[in-house]
Amino acid sequence: MNIKDVSERTKLPAKTIRYYEDIGLITPARGENGYRKFSENDLHKLAFVGRARHLGFSIEDCRNLLALWGDNGRSSADVRAIAQSHLEQIEAKLRELAEMRDTLARLVHCCAGDNRPDCPILEDLAKTHI
């Protein structure tokens, strides 16, 4: 299978597939002409990584999850630990986003949005929080 076929089947851009090869997530064989020859296993790995990246896992998490996926002697506790850590990061980001939303909503509510020059949004942004 060539990179175009793999790209179409995994819905990953060819550039992304090449990047994953460059960083060692996949290692497709090479034909005599030097072109990549992807196996079904490569296809499955790329689909796996694509789904994991869609869920926001880091490249390093993907590398670790791939290794665990290929290890029949793995412990599901190891997989869960990676997912749990990622979930905690997402929850922290959601809290940050909620705080940002609340602050911005308050500032927008306080701003008259008229032709006067005074603006609580700019006043708040100008405060030094250092």
C-alpha atoms as a PDB file:
ATOM      1  CA  MET A   1       0.000   0.000   0.000  1.00  0.00           C
ATOM      2  CA  ASN A   2       1.372   3.440  -0.852  1.00  0.00           C
ATOM      3  CA  ILE A   3       1.131   6.615   1.211  1.00  0.00           C
ATOM      4  CA  LYS A   4      -1.800   7.949  -0.823  1.00  0.00           C
ATOM      5  CA  ASP A   5      -3.846   4.805  -0.135  1.00  0.00           C
ATOM      6  CA  VAL A   6      -2.961   4.898   3.564  1.00  0.00           C
ATOM      7  CA  SER A   7      -3.804   8.590   3.750  1.00  0.00           C
ATOM      8  CA  GLU A   8      -7.231   7.985   2.224  1.00  0.00           C
ATOM      9  CA  ARG A   9      -7.989   5.023   4.485  1.00  0.00           C
ATOM     10  CA  THR A  10      -6.815   6.650   7.726  1.00  0.00           C
ATOM     11  CA  LYS A  11      -7.959  10.198   6.869  1.00  0.00           C
ATOM     12  CA  LEU A  12      -4.476  11.393   7.874  1.00  0.00           C
ATOM     13  CA  PRO A  13      -2.587  13.780   5.612  1.00  0.00           C
ATOM     14  CA  ALA A  14       0.466  12.303   3.902  1.00  0.00           C
ATOM     15  CA  LYS A  15       2.577  14.950   5.634  1.00  0.00           C
ATOM     16  CA  THR A  16       1.387  13.685   9.021  1.00  0.00           C
ATOM     17  CA  ILE A  17       2.125  10.098   8.047  1.00  0.00           C
ATOM     18  CA  ARG A  18       5.662  11.085   7.005  1.00  0.00           C
ATOM     19  CA  TYR A  19       6.095  12.926  10.302  1.00  0.00           C
ATOM     20  CA  TYR A  20       4.988   9.867  12.273  1.00  0.00           C
ATOM     21  CA  GLU A  21       7.577   7.870  10.350  1.00  0.00           C
ATOM     22  CA  ASP A  22      10.278  10.493  10.991  1.00  0.00           C
ATOM     23  CA  ILE A  23       9.697  10.321  14.753  1.00  0.00           C
ATOM     24  CA  GLY A  24       9.558   6.525  14.758  1.00  0.00           C
ATOM     25  CA  LEU A  25       5.890   5.863  15.478  1.00  0.00           C
ATOM     26  CA  ILE A  26       5.715   3.704  12.364  1.00  0.00           C
ATOM     27  CA  THR A  27       8.424   2.114  10.254  1.00  0.00           C
ATOM     28  CA  PRO A  28       7.043   1.137   6.852  1.00  0.00           C
ATOM     29  CA  ALA A  29       9.121  -1.063   4.585  1.00  0.00           C
ATOM     30  CA  ARG A  30      10.740   0.414   1.493  1.00  0.00           C
ATOM     31  CA  GLY A  31      10.456  -1.018  -1.973  1.00  0.00           C
ATOM     32  CA  GLU A  32      13.393  -1.347  -4.365  1.00  0.00           C
ATOM     33  CA  ASN A  33      12.404   2.037  -5.771  1.00  0.00           C
ATOM     34  CA  GLY A  34      12.702   3.587  -2.290  1.00  0.00           C
ATOM     35  CA  TYR A  35       8.975   4.224  -1.957  1.00  0.00           C
ATOM     36  CA  ARG A  36       7.221   3.425   1.285  1.00  0.00           C
ATOM     37  CA  LYS A  37       5.285   0.167   1.338  1.00  0.00           C
ATOM     38  CA  PHE A  38       2.737   0.229   4.151  1.00  0.00           C
ATOM     39  CA  SER A  39       1.426  -2.984   5.646  1.00  0.00           C
ATOM     40  CA  GLU A  40      -1.976  -3.587   7.203  1.00  0.00           C
ATOM     41  CA  ASN A  41      -0.211  -3.360  10.571  1.00  0.00           C
ATOM     42  CA  ASP A  42       1.121   0.106   9.642  1.00  0.00           C
ATOM     43  CA  LEU A  43      -2.403   1.090   8.651  1.00  0.00           C
ATOM     44  CA  HIS A  44      -3.791  -0.070  12.001  1.00  0.00           C
ATOM     45  CA  LYS A  45      -1.056   1.755  13.902  1.00  0.00           C
ATOM     46  CA  LEU A  46      -1.735   4.976  11.998  1.00  0.00           C
ATOM     47  CA  ALA A  47      -5.475   4.687  12.626  1.00  0.00           C
ATOM     48  CA  PHE A  48      -4.721   4.051  16.311  1.00  0.00           C
ATOM     49  CA  VAL A  49      -2.457   7.100  16.549  1.00  0.00           C
ATOM     50  CA  GLY A  50      -4.948   9.223  14.615  1.00  0.00           C
ATOM     51  CA  ARG A  51      -7.718   8.344  17.057  1.00  0.00           C
ATOM     52  CA  ALA A  52      -5.455   8.909  20.068  1.00  0.00           C
ATOM     53  CA  ARG A  53      -4.344  12.302  18.709  1.00  0.00           C
ATOM     54  CA  HIS A  54      -7.989  13.196  18.071  1.00  0.00           C
ATOM     55  CA  LEU A  55      -8.562  12.557  21.780  1.00  0.00           C
ATOM     56  CA  GLY A  56      -5.691  14.928  22.527  1.00  0.00           C
ATOM     57  CA  PHE A  57      -3.034  12.461  23.621  1.00  0.00           C
ATOM     58  CA  SER A  58       0.510  13.767  23.218  1.00  0.00           C
ATOM     59  CA  ILE A  59       2.939  12.145  20.808  1.00  0.00           C
ATOM     60  CA  GLU A  60       4.765  10.606  23.766  1.00  0.00           C
ATOM     61  CA  ASP A  61       1.487   9.228  25.146  1.00  0.00           C
ATOM     62  CA  CYS A  62       0.751   7.810  21.678  1.00  0.00           C
ATOM     63  CA  ARG A  63       4.167   6.168  21.620  1.00  0.00           C
ATOM     64  CA  ASN A  64       3.528   4.591  25.040  1.00  0.00           C
ATOM     65  CA  LEU A  65      -0.015   3.530  24.139  1.00  0.00           C
ATOM     66  CA  LEU A  66       1.210   1.957  20.893  1.00  0.00           C
ATOM     67  CA  ALA A  67       3.827   0.017  22.822  1.00  0.00           C
ATOM     68  CA  LEU A  68       1.201  -1.194  25.281  1.00  0.00           C
ATOM     69  CA  TRP A  69      -1.207  -2.066  22.458  1.00  0.00           C
ATOM     70  CA  GLY A  70       1.464  -4.284  20.926  1.00  0.00           C
ATOM     71  CA  ASP A  71       2.337  -5.930  24.233  1.00  0.00           C
ATOM     72  CA  ASN A  72       0.086  -8.910  24.986  1.00  0.00           C
ATOM     73  CA  GLY A  73       1.571  -9.072  28.474  1.00  0.00           C
ATOM     74  CA  ARG A  74       0.551  -5.495  29.245  1.00  0.00           C
ATOM     75  CA  SER A  75      -1.283  -4.443  32.345  1.00  0.00           C
ATOM     76  CA  SER A  76      -4.453  -2.478  31.761  1.00  0.00           C
ATOM     77  CA  ALA A  77      -3.409  -0.428  34.800  1.00  0.00           C
ATOM     78  CA  ASP A  78      -0.572   1.028  32.717  1.00  0.00           C
ATOM     79  CA  VAL A  79      -2.983   2.024  29.966  1.00  0.00           C
ATOM     80  CA  ARG A  80      -5.422   3.447  32.485  1.00  0.00           C
ATOM     81  CA  ALA A  81      -2.688   5.510  34.136  1.00  0.00           C
ATOM     82  CA  ILE A  82      -1.868   7.216  30.833  1.00  0.00           C
ATOM     83  CA  ALA A  83      -5.540   7.881  30.104  1.00  0.00           C
ATOM     84  CA  GLN A  84      -6.192   9.077  33.662  1.00  0.00           C
ATOM     85  CA  SER A  85      -3.312  11.535  33.501  1.00  0.00           C
ATOM     86  CA  HIS A  86      -4.583  12.885  30.196  1.00  0.00           C
ATOM     87  CA  LEU A  87      -8.114  13.171  31.584  1.00  0.00           C
ATOM     88  CA  GLU A  88      -6.797  15.175  34.545  1.00  0.00           C
ATOM     89  CA  GLN A  89      -5.011  17.526  32.132  1.00  0.00           C
ATOM     90  CA  ILE A  90      -8.237  17.994  30.158  1.00  0.00           C
ATOM     91  CA  GLU A  91     -10.206  18.697  33.336  1.00  0.00           C
ATOM     92  CA  ALA A  92      -7.626  21.283  34.436  1.00  0.00           C
ATOM     93  CA  LYS A  93      -7.838  22.942  31.017  1.00  0.00           C
ATOM     94  CA  LEU A  94     -11.640  22.984  31.262  1.00  0.00           C
ATOM     95  CA  ARG A  95     -11.403  24.719  34.639  1.00  0.00           C
ATOM     96  CA  GLU A  96      -9.020  27.292  33.114  1.00  0.00           C
ATOM     97  CA  LEU A  97     -11.374  27.839  30.189  1.00  0.00           C
ATOM     98  CA  ALA A  98     -14.364  28.242  32.535  1.00  0.00           C
ATOM     99  CA  GLU A  99     -12.457  30.876  34.513  1.00  0.00           C
ATOM    100  CA  MET A 100     -11.528  32.669  31.304  1.00  0.00           C
ATOM    101  CA  ARG A 101     -15.136  32.535  30.104  1.00  0.00           C
ATOM    102  CA  ASP A 102     -16.466  33.882  33.407  1.00  0.00           C
ATOM    103  CA  THR A 103     -13.954  36.733  33.501  1.00  0.00           C
ATOM    104  CA  LEU A 104     -14.558  37.701  29.907  1.00  0.00           C
ATOM    105  CA  ALA A 105     -18.346  37.470  30.315  1.00  0.00           C
ATOM    106  CA  ARG A 106     -18.145  39.781  33.345  1.00  0.00           C
ATOM    107  CA  LEU A 107     -15.990  42.272  31.443  1.00  0.00           C
ATOM    108  CA  VAL A 108     -18.253  42.233  28.390  1.00  0.00           C
ATOM    109  CA  HIS A 109     -21.272  42.747  30.654  1.00  0.00           C
ATOM    110  CA  CYS A 110     -19.572  45.714  32.355  1.00  0.00           C
ATOM    111  CA  CYS A 111     -18.640  47.404  29.078  1.00  0.00           C
ATOM    112  CA  ALA A 112     -21.318  49.762  27.764  1.00  0.00           C
ATOM    113  CA  GLY A 113     -20.144  49.292  24.203  1.00  0.00           C
ATOM    114  CA  ASP A 114     -21.054  52.854  23.315  1.00  0.00           C
ATOM    115  CA  ASN A 115     -19.141  55.829  21.913  1.00  0.00           C
ATOM    116  CA  ARG A 116     -17.531  56.767  25.221  1.00  0.00           C
ATOM    117  CA  PRO A 117     -13.798  56.089  25.532  1.00  0.00           C
ATOM    118  CA  ASP A 118     -13.885  54.444  28.976  1.00  0.00           C
ATOM    119  CA  CYS A 119     -13.864  50.671  28.751  1.00  0.00           C
ATOM    120  CA  PRO A 120     -13.696  48.180  31.643  1.00  0.00           C
ATOM    121  CA  ILE A 121     -12.248  45.546  29.320  1.00  0.00           C
ATOM    122  CA  LEU A 122      -9.201  47.669  28.471  1.00  0.00           C
ATOM    123  CA  GLU A 123      -8.879  48.793  32.093  1.00  0.00           C
ATOM    124  CA  ASP A 124      -8.758  45.188  33.247  1.00  0.00           C
ATOM    125  CA  LEU A 125      -6.247  44.200  30.569  1.00  0.00           C
ATOM    126  CA  ALA A 126      -4.041  47.147  31.553  1.00  0.00           C
ATOM    127  CA  LYS A 127      -3.834  46.034  35.194  1.00  0.00           C
ATOM    128  CA  THR A 128      -0.483  44.644  36.110  1.00  0.00           C
ATOM    129  CA  HIS A 129      -0.811  41.164  37.578  1.00  0.00           C
ATOM    130  CA  ILE A 130       2.913  40.569  37.890  1.00  0.00           C
END
